[in-house]
Amino acid sequence: MVTMRRRLVGLLLWLSACGGEGHSGFSTMGMPGIPSPARIVSNIVLAEVDIDHHAGPLFGVDSGSPFTLFDPADYPAADFGSNVQVQVDVSFGQFTVGDVPALQIPLLGDGIVVPPIVGGNLLRQFVAELDYRSMHLRLGEGAPATGVEEPGGSVAFALRGGGAVDPNGSLIVFPATRVMLTAEVEGVARALMLDTGASEIALRTTLYDALVADGRAQLSGLPLQTAMGPTTAEVTRARAVTVAGQTVTNVAVMTVGDSLLDSLQDEIGVSVDGLLGGSFLREFLVTIDYPKRRLRLRRYSPPSTPVDDFKRVGIDLGVASAAHRYTVGKVFANTDAERKMIRFGDELISIDGRNLDALDAIAADALLNGTVGASKQIGLGLTSVAALANTTLTVLVDDLIPAP
């Protein structure tokens, strides 16, 4: 089983990149501009995507990745050949983009499932609309939006970066896909890269440290998946972040160290202070007009109240036991879950009466979210504290990172 709340940041900031843009123009079939169903998980849009007309897992829509990639093991009926890079048809409902260069690589490791990715090499050909409220992805111009504030904010951008990687001795060239923006973080201008594949805003360590120097609450040890492999992050909240005149308050920001940002900076040749991720973007209907090089942010009306993944019972899901699909992967300090003596490795049977063995990890994890101060009924199996085995505990929902 997997730890599903492991957040994603900069999943494919490849370290072996070198300069040079490259270009791809794709054939298309069907009607563009029709919404394709999606789910929102950890502030990331996961879209329903077929590869060569074979159904598979949901794909992360990741402007921060220059590559489209998938795991061939998810398509046992297909034969993609032995090359790392292959040409595939990528379908979003009735709309298909043909002959897309994609990487086929294993995406399961260290007990963590990384989603396949629709990357910038495909997205850059279209107007890409990410709707966090209605949960869809749309490629191409569609019907006028409803339920949003008009005109919203917009800002021009240039596509930066591009280069090549050389996995297993096979040179792969990728185009410029990086969207750099200016954001004000608590009133100070910062250079952030638009990264729809990042769960939160990620900042350089020095910038993060400057935020928490006032003693505001922060969360340490958050499981995280990066291009460098699994790690942990520190997370706090910024009082305000503004892009294109649009402001989000008390938004989650994190730091994972600077290696990923340094590698990105080397690729694109300009300073990079961080990544603009889903904790900010989820407040808006996000339109990335790649052909016209313009980002548009339109706040939902009435304002959206998205799920805050840091307002939850203070545990993460962990690997399966012999008998059950989920265990406790982490217990966060100073939470009611910790006070109730829930421990790492305890078997999780149910939440509010729903049997977790029958749920995928996305649905199971969502049951841990809630209103701060409300209670959840947590059904346990085998536990570290013998007295808790095969019992149901009443556990309060905590705010893991209270607003500054």
Protein backbone atom coordinates (compact mmCIF):
# COMPACT_ATOMS: atom_id res chain seq x y z
CA MET A 1 0.00 0.00 0.00
CA VAL A 2 1.06 3.62 -0.25
CA THR A 3 1.30 6.79 1.78
CA MET A 4 -1.08 8.94 -0.25
CA ARG A 5 -0.61 12.23 1.59
CA ARG A 6 2.98 12.40 0.50
CA ARG A 7 2.88 15.79 -1.20
CA LEU A 8 4.43 16.41 -4.62
CA VAL A 9 6.91 19.17 -5.35
CA GLY A 10 9.03 19.67 -8.45
CA LEU A 11 8.72 16.03 -9.40
CA LEU A 12 10.69 16.32 -12.62
CA LEU A 13 13.27 19.06 -12.20
CA TRP A 14 15.85 16.93 -13.98
CA LEU A 15 19.43 17.60 -12.91
CA SER A 16 21.14 16.60 -16.18
CA ALA A 17 19.49 19.31 -18.29
CA CYS A 18 21.44 21.42 -20.72
CA GLY A 19 20.43 24.34 -22.89
CA GLY A 20 18.41 24.25 -26.11
CA GLU A 21 14.71 24.48 -26.74
CA GLY A 22 13.47 21.87 -29.18
CA HIS A 23 9.90 21.97 -30.49
CA SER A 24 6.98 19.62 -31.01
CA GLY A 25 3.75 20.16 -32.92
CA PHE A 26 1.16 17.42 -32.42
CA SER A 27 -1.72 16.14 -34.46
CA THR A 28 -5.14 16.23 -32.81
CA MET A 29 -8.33 14.24 -33.20
CA GLY A 30 -11.78 15.04 -31.87
CA MET A 31 -13.14 18.24 -30.40
CA PRO A 32 -10.92 20.42 -28.19
CA GLY A 33 -12.36 22.61 -25.46
CA ILE A 34 -14.58 19.96 -23.86
CA PRO A 35 -13.97 19.47 -20.11
CA SER A 36 -12.35 16.17 -19.16
CA PRO A 37 -13.22 14.75 -15.70
CA ALA A 38 -10.63 15.02 -12.96
CA ARG A 39 -10.14 14.64 -9.23
CA ILE A 40 -8.36 17.03 -6.90
CA VAL A 41 -5.86 15.33 -4.59
CA SER A 42 -3.41 17.27 -2.39
CA ASN A 43 -4.24 20.38 -4.45
CA ILE A 44 -3.26 18.65 -7.72
CA VAL A 45 -5.56 18.08 -10.70
CA LEU A 46 -5.60 14.38 -11.59
CA ALA A 47 -7.22 13.92 -15.00
CA GLU A 48 -8.73 10.91 -16.73
CA VAL A 49 -6.29 10.08 -19.52
CA ASP A 50 -5.90 7.17 -21.95
CA ILE A 51 -2.58 6.22 -23.53
CA ASP A 52 -2.83 4.74 -27.05
CA HIS A 53 -6.53 4.24 -26.24
CA HIS A 54 -5.77 2.10 -23.18
CA ALA A 55 -7.35 3.20 -19.89
CA GLY A 56 -5.08 3.54 -16.89
CA PRO A 57 -4.58 5.57 -13.70
CA LEU A 58 -5.32 9.26 -13.30
CA PHE A 59 -2.61 11.61 -14.58
CA GLY A 60 -1.27 14.61 -12.70
CA VAL A 61 -1.54 17.81 -14.76
CA ASP A 62 1.92 19.23 -14.18
CA SER A 63 3.05 22.49 -15.75
CA GLY A 64 6.26 22.11 -13.76
CA SER A 65 7.34 18.97 -15.62
CA PRO A 66 8.79 19.30 -19.13
CA PHE A 67 7.84 15.68 -19.79
CA THR A 68 4.73 13.59 -20.23
CA LEU A 69 5.39 10.23 -18.61
CA PHE A 70 3.71 7.01 -17.59
CA ASP A 71 4.48 3.58 -16.16
CA PRO A 72 4.09 0.83 -18.81
CA ALA A 73 3.19 -1.63 -16.03
CA ASP A 74 -0.17 0.16 -15.79
CA TYR A 75 -1.01 -0.98 -19.34
CA PRO A 76 -0.44 -4.75 -19.49
CA ALA A 77 -2.38 -5.10 -22.77
CA ALA A 78 -0.18 -2.56 -24.58
CA ASP A 79 3.29 -2.93 -26.11
CA PHE A 80 5.18 0.34 -26.18
CA GLY A 81 8.54 -1.17 -27.11
CA SER A 82 11.77 -0.94 -25.14
CA ASN A 83 12.82 2.69 -25.65
CA VAL A 84 12.56 5.11 -22.74
CA GLN A 85 10.95 7.73 -24.98
CA VAL A 86 8.03 6.63 -27.12
CA GLN A 87 5.42 8.34 -29.31
CA VAL A 88 1.90 7.84 -27.95
CA ASP A 89 -1.61 9.12 -28.43
CA VAL A 90 -2.87 10.87 -25.28
CA SER A 91 -6.66 11.08 -24.99
CA PHE A 92 -8.74 13.35 -22.76
CA GLY A 93 -12.29 12.07 -23.20
CA GLN A 94 -13.18 12.61 -26.87
CA PHE A 95 -10.10 14.76 -27.59
CA THR A 96 -6.82 13.05 -28.54
CA VAL A 97 -3.37 14.54 -28.98
CA GLY A 98 -1.38 12.31 -31.29
CA ASP A 99 2.28 11.30 -31.40
CA VAL A 100 3.23 12.89 -28.10
CA PRO A 101 6.82 12.18 -26.98
CA ALA A 102 6.45 10.50 -23.59
CA LEU A 103 8.77 8.72 -21.19
CA GLN A 104 7.86 5.24 -20.02
CA ILE A 105 9.47 4.70 -16.63
CA PRO A 106 8.58 2.82 -13.43
CA LEU A 107 6.68 5.09 -11.04
CA LEU A 108 6.43 2.84 -7.98
CA GLY A 109 9.23 2.95 -5.46
CA ASP A 110 9.89 3.14 -1.73
CA GLY A 111 6.24 2.27 -1.15
CA ILE A 112 5.12 5.46 -2.89
CA VAL A 113 3.00 5.65 -6.02
CA VAL A 114 3.85 8.68 -8.14
CA PRO A 115 1.08 9.54 -10.60
CA PRO A 116 1.78 9.54 -14.33
CA ILE A 117 2.06 13.04 -15.70
CA VAL A 118 0.67 15.20 -18.46
CA GLY A 119 3.63 17.53 -18.74
CA GLY A 120 4.52 20.87 -20.21
CA ASN A 121 5.69 19.41 -23.54
CA LEU A 122 2.01 18.61 -24.29
CA LEU A 123 0.32 21.45 -22.40
CA ARG A 124 2.38 24.16 -24.15
CA GLN A 125 0.49 23.57 -27.40
CA PHE A 126 -2.89 24.57 -25.93
CA VAL A 127 -4.96 26.82 -23.75
CA ALA A 128 -5.06 24.68 -20.58
CA GLU A 129 -7.85 25.31 -18.06
CA LEU A 130 -7.67 23.76 -14.59
CA ASP A 131 -10.96 23.92 -12.69
CA TYR A 132 -10.41 23.01 -9.04
CA ARG A 133 -14.07 23.53 -8.09
CA SER A 134 -15.82 21.60 -10.88
CA MET A 135 -12.89 19.17 -11.08
CA HIS A 136 -11.99 19.13 -14.73
CA LEU A 137 -9.21 19.80 -17.20
CA ARG A 138 -9.93 21.48 -20.50
CA LEU A 139 -7.50 21.74 -23.42
CA GLY A 140 -8.39 24.31 -26.03
CA GLU A 141 -10.86 27.18 -26.08
CA GLY A 142 -14.28 26.29 -24.67
CA ALA A 143 -17.53 27.85 -23.60
CA PRO A 144 -17.33 31.04 -21.49
CA ALA A 145 -16.69 30.33 -17.83
CA THR A 146 -19.46 30.72 -15.25
CA GLY A 147 -19.27 31.04 -11.48
CA VAL A 148 -16.09 33.14 -11.50
CA GLU A 149 -15.26 36.78 -10.92
CA GLU A 150 -14.59 38.69 -14.13
CA PRO A 151 -12.20 39.80 -15.45
CA GLY A 152 -9.95 38.39 -12.72
CA GLY A 153 -6.22 38.88 -12.98
CA SER A 154 -3.87 38.07 -15.83
CA VAL A 155 -0.17 38.31 -16.47
CA ALA A 156 2.06 37.68 -19.45
CA PHE A 157 4.87 35.13 -19.33
CA ALA A 158 7.67 33.76 -21.48
CA LEU A 159 8.45 30.06 -21.72
CA ARG A 160 11.93 29.37 -20.40
CA GLY A 161 14.30 26.46 -20.14
CA GLY A 162 14.44 23.44 -22.37
CA GLY A 163 17.35 21.12 -22.89
CA ALA A 164 18.15 17.44 -22.88
CA VAL A 165 18.51 14.47 -20.58
CA ASP A 166 20.48 11.31 -21.22
CA PRO A 167 18.87 8.41 -19.33
CA ASN A 168 20.49 5.05 -20.11
CA GLY A 169 22.54 6.54 -22.94
CA SER A 170 19.49 7.75 -24.89
CA LEU A 171 19.48 11.50 -25.56
CA ILE A 172 16.04 13.07 -25.04
CA VAL A 173 15.51 16.70 -26.00
CA PHE A 174 12.69 18.65 -24.38
CA PRO A 175 11.24 22.08 -25.18
CA ALA A 176 10.99 25.23 -23.09
CA THR A 177 8.05 24.81 -20.70
CA ARG A 178 8.90 26.79 -17.56
CA VAL A 179 6.48 29.61 -16.69
CA MET A 180 8.17 32.18 -14.44
CA LEU A 181 6.04 34.70 -12.55
CA THR A 182 6.48 37.47 -10.02
CA ALA A 183 4.61 36.86 -6.77
CA GLU A 184 4.42 39.01 -3.67
CA VAL A 185 4.95 36.89 -0.57
CA GLU A 186 3.92 38.98 2.43
CA GLY A 187 4.59 42.09 0.38
CA VAL A 188 8.02 41.10 -0.99
CA ALA A 189 8.44 40.34 -4.69
CA ARG A 190 9.68 36.81 -5.40
CA ALA A 191 10.38 34.91 -8.63
CA LEU A 192 8.23 31.76 -8.61
CA MET A 193 7.75 29.12 -11.28
CA LEU A 194 4.16 28.08 -12.00
CA ASP A 195 3.95 24.43 -10.95
CA THR A 196 0.49 22.84 -11.09
CA GLY A 197 2.14 19.57 -10.05
CA ALA A 198 3.25 20.98 -6.69
CA SER A 199 0.86 20.59 -3.77
CA GLU A 200 1.97 23.79 -2.04
CA ILE A 201 4.00 26.92 -2.62
CA ALA A 202 7.63 25.90 -2.12
CA LEU A 203 10.21 28.50 -1.12
CA ARG A 204 13.96 28.64 -0.76
CA THR A 205 15.13 27.83 2.74
CA THR A 206 16.27 31.38 3.50
CA LEU A 207 12.88 32.80 2.48
CA TYR A 208 10.99 30.20 4.49
CA ASP A 209 13.20 30.82 7.52
CA ALA A 210 12.48 34.55 7.28
CA LEU A 211 8.74 33.83 7.45
CA VAL A 212 8.92 31.62 10.54
CA ALA A 213 11.39 33.89 12.35
CA ASP A 214 8.39 35.56 14.01
CA GLY A 215 7.53 32.33 15.80
CA ARG A 216 4.47 31.38 13.73
CA ALA A 217 3.32 27.76 13.77
CA GLN A 218 5.02 25.29 11.49
CA LEU A 219 4.77 21.57 10.79
CA SER A 220 7.89 19.45 10.47
CA GLY A 221 8.34 16.02 8.95
CA LEU A 222 5.64 16.19 6.26
CA PRO A 223 6.22 13.26 3.85
CA LEU A 224 7.12 14.52 0.38
CA GLN A 225 8.00 13.13 -3.03
CA THR A 226 10.52 15.09 -5.15
CA ALA A 227 12.72 14.49 -8.18
CA MET A 228 15.45 13.54 -5.71
CA GLY A 229 13.27 10.88 -4.11
CA PRO A 230 11.18 10.77 -0.93
CA THR A 231 11.99 13.29 1.78
CA THR A 232 10.21 15.44 4.35
CA ALA A 233 9.30 19.12 4.40
CA GLU A 234 8.62 21.93 6.82
CA VAL A 235 5.34 23.78 6.28
CA THR A 236 3.88 27.04 7.59
CA ARG A 237 1.36 29.61 6.39
CA ALA A 238 2.11 32.92 4.68
CA ARG A 239 -0.20 35.76 5.63
CA ALA A 240 -0.69 36.72 1.99
CA VAL A 241 0.56 35.76 -1.47
CA THR A 242 -0.37 37.85 -4.53
CA VAL A 243 -0.04 37.02 -8.23
CA ALA A 244 -1.51 39.08 -11.08
CA GLY A 245 -3.33 41.22 -8.53
CA GLN A 246 -5.04 38.18 -6.96
CA THR A 247 -4.36 37.49 -3.26
CA VAL A 248 -4.72 34.36 -1.15
CA THR A 249 -4.37 34.71 2.63
CA ASN A 250 -3.05 32.20 5.17
CA VAL A 251 -1.77 30.02 2.35
CA ALA A 252 0.41 26.97 3.03
CA VAL A 253 4.07 27.31 2.05
CA MET A 254 6.88 24.81 2.51
CA THR A 255 10.59 24.28 2.14
CA VAL A 256 12.33 21.11 1.03
CA GLY A 257 15.83 22.52 0.75
CA ASP A 258 17.29 24.23 -2.29
CA SER A 259 18.66 21.44 -4.51
CA LEU A 260 15.59 21.27 -6.75
CA LEU A 261 15.38 25.04 -7.12
CA ASP A 262 19.12 25.26 -7.84
CA SER A 263 18.81 22.69 -10.64
CA LEU A 264 15.85 24.55 -12.10
CA GLN A 265 17.76 27.83 -11.90
CA ASP A 266 20.70 26.25 -13.76
CA GLU A 267 18.33 25.13 -16.53
CA ILE A 268 16.54 28.41 -17.17
CA GLY A 269 19.33 30.85 -16.35
CA VAL A 270 17.36 33.18 -14.05
CA SER A 271 16.87 33.34 -10.30
CA VAL A 272 14.18 31.04 -8.90
CA ASP A 273 12.86 31.73 -5.40
CA GLY A 274 10.29 28.96 -5.37
CA LEU A 275 7.33 27.20 -6.96
CA LEU A 276 3.76 28.51 -7.18
CA GLY A 277 1.72 25.41 -6.36
CA GLY A 278 -1.76 24.21 -5.64
CA SER A 279 -2.23 25.77 -2.19
CA PHE A 280 -2.49 29.10 -4.04
CA LEU A 281 -3.91 28.00 -7.40
CA ARG A 282 -6.88 26.03 -6.00
CA GLU A 283 -8.68 29.29 -5.14
CA PHE A 284 -9.05 30.11 -8.86
CA LEU A 285 -10.15 28.91 -12.23
CA VAL A 286 -6.64 28.76 -13.72
CA THR A 287 -6.19 29.33 -17.45
CA ILE A 288 -2.69 28.92 -18.89
CA ASP A 289 -2.84 30.29 -22.41
CA TYR A 290 0.39 28.87 -23.78
CA PRO A 291 -0.08 30.10 -27.39
CA LYS A 292 -0.64 33.70 -26.21
CA ARG A 293 1.75 33.32 -23.25
CA ARG A 294 -0.69 34.58 -20.62
CA LEU A 295 -1.81 33.25 -17.24
CA ARG A 296 -5.34 34.10 -16.10
CA LEU A 297 -6.62 33.71 -12.53
CA ARG A 298 -10.36 34.09 -11.89
CA ARG A 299 -11.56 33.64 -8.34
CA TYR A 300 -14.61 31.45 -7.87
CA SER A 301 -17.86 33.27 -7.12
CA PRO A 302 -19.14 32.73 -4.53
CA PRO A 303 -15.61 32.28 -3.17
CA SER A 304 -14.41 28.71 -3.06
CA THR A 305 -13.88 26.98 0.27
CA PRO A 306 -11.48 24.23 -0.81
CA VAL A 307 -10.52 21.38 1.45
CA ASP A 308 -7.54 22.31 3.60
CA ASP A 309 -5.45 19.15 3.91
CA PHE A 310 -3.80 20.52 7.04
CA LYS A 311 -7.12 20.60 8.91
CA ARG A 312 -7.49 16.93 9.64
CA VAL A 313 -7.05 14.16 12.16
CA GLY A 314 -3.33 14.26 12.92
CA ILE A 315 -2.26 11.10 11.11
CA ASP A 316 -1.22 9.98 7.64
CA LEU A 317 -2.05 6.69 5.97
CA GLY A 318 0.76 4.16 5.83
CA VAL A 319 1.65 0.83 4.24
CA ALA A 320 -0.70 -2.12 4.51
CA SER A 321 -0.59 -4.76 7.22
CA ALA A 322 -1.08 -8.45 6.57
CA ALA A 323 -4.79 -8.13 7.31
CA HIS A 324 -5.80 -4.61 6.32
CA ARG A 325 -5.25 -2.11 3.55
CA TYR A 326 -4.09 0.79 5.72
CA THR A 327 -2.01 1.45 8.78
CA VAL A 328 -0.89 4.69 10.43
CA GLY A 329 2.07 6.05 8.47
CA LYS A 330 2.72 9.05 10.70
CA VAL A 331 1.30 10.69 13.81
CA PHE A 332 1.80 14.45 13.94
CA ALA A 333 3.04 15.95 17.19
CA ASN A 334 0.77 17.92 19.53
CA THR A 335 -2.43 16.59 17.97
CA ASP A 336 -5.40 14.86 19.54
CA ALA A 337 -4.40 11.70 17.67
CA GLU A 338 -1.09 11.71 19.53
CA ARG A 339 -2.79 12.39 22.86
CA LYS A 340 -5.16 9.45 22.23
CA MET A 341 -2.03 7.25 21.88
CA ILE A 342 -2.46 6.34 18.23
CA ARG A 343 0.95 5.18 17.05
CA PHE A 344 2.87 4.51 13.85
CA GLY A 345 1.95 1.13 12.39
CA ASP A 346 -1.46 0.82 14.07
CA GLU A 347 -4.02 -0.80 11.79
CA LEU A 348 -6.75 1.53 10.48
CA ILE A 349 -10.07 -0.24 9.94
CA SER A 350 -12.67 2.52 9.56
CA ILE A 351 -13.34 6.24 9.75
CA ASP A 352 -16.80 7.38 10.80
CA GLY A 353 -18.09 3.87 10.21
CA ARG A 354 -16.76 3.52 6.66
CA ASN A 355 -14.65 0.44 6.08
CA LEU A 356 -11.30 1.59 4.68
CA ASP A 357 -10.38 -1.74 3.10
CA ALA A 358 -12.96 -1.05 0.39
CA LEU A 359 -11.66 2.45 -0.43
CA ASP A 360 -8.79 3.65 -2.58
CA ALA A 361 -6.22 5.74 -0.79
CA ILE A 362 -7.56 9.03 -2.18
CA ALA A 363 -11.03 8.39 -0.76
CA ALA A 364 -9.70 6.97 2.50
CA ASP A 365 -7.40 9.91 3.16
CA ALA A 366 -10.17 12.41 2.43
CA LEU A 367 -12.13 11.03 5.38
CA LEU A 368 -9.46 12.36 7.74
CA ASN A 369 -10.12 15.98 6.67
CA GLY A 370 -12.70 18.06 8.50
CA THR A 371 -13.63 21.12 10.50
CA VAL A 372 -11.22 21.98 13.28
CA GLY A 373 -12.64 20.86 16.62
CA ALA A 374 -15.06 18.35 15.07
CA SER A 375 -14.57 14.69 15.92
CA LYS A 376 -13.95 11.57 13.84
CA GLN A 377 -14.58 7.99 14.86
CA ILE A 378 -11.37 6.07 14.14
CA GLY A 379 -11.70 2.28 14.08
CA LEU A 380 -8.48 0.45 14.93
CA GLY A 381 -7.29 -3.14 14.54
CA LEU A 382 -3.98 -4.34 15.95
CA THR A 383 -2.24 -1.49 17.76
CA SER A 384 0.98 -0.68 19.59
CA VAL A 385 -1.01 0.10 22.75
CA ALA A 386 -2.74 -3.16 23.55
CA ALA A 387 -5.71 -1.49 25.23
CA LEU A 388 -6.63 0.27 21.98
CA ALA A 389 -6.69 -2.86 19.81
CA ASN A 390 -10.01 -3.47 18.03
CA THR A 391 -11.59 -0.34 19.48
CA THR A 392 -13.09 2.85 18.05
CA LEU A 393 -11.62 6.14 19.25
CA THR A 394 -13.16 9.59 19.12
CA VAL A 395 -10.39 11.83 17.76
CA LEU A 396 -10.60 15.57 17.15
CA VAL A 397 -9.70 17.30 13.89
CA ASP A 398 -6.69 19.60 14.38
CA ASP A 399 -5.29 22.53 12.43
CA LEU A 400 -1.77 21.24 11.89
CA ILE A 401 -0.52 24.74 10.98
CA PRO A 402 -2.68 27.47 12.57
CA ALA A 403 -2.72 30.81 10.73
CA PRO A 404 -0.12 33.41 11.84
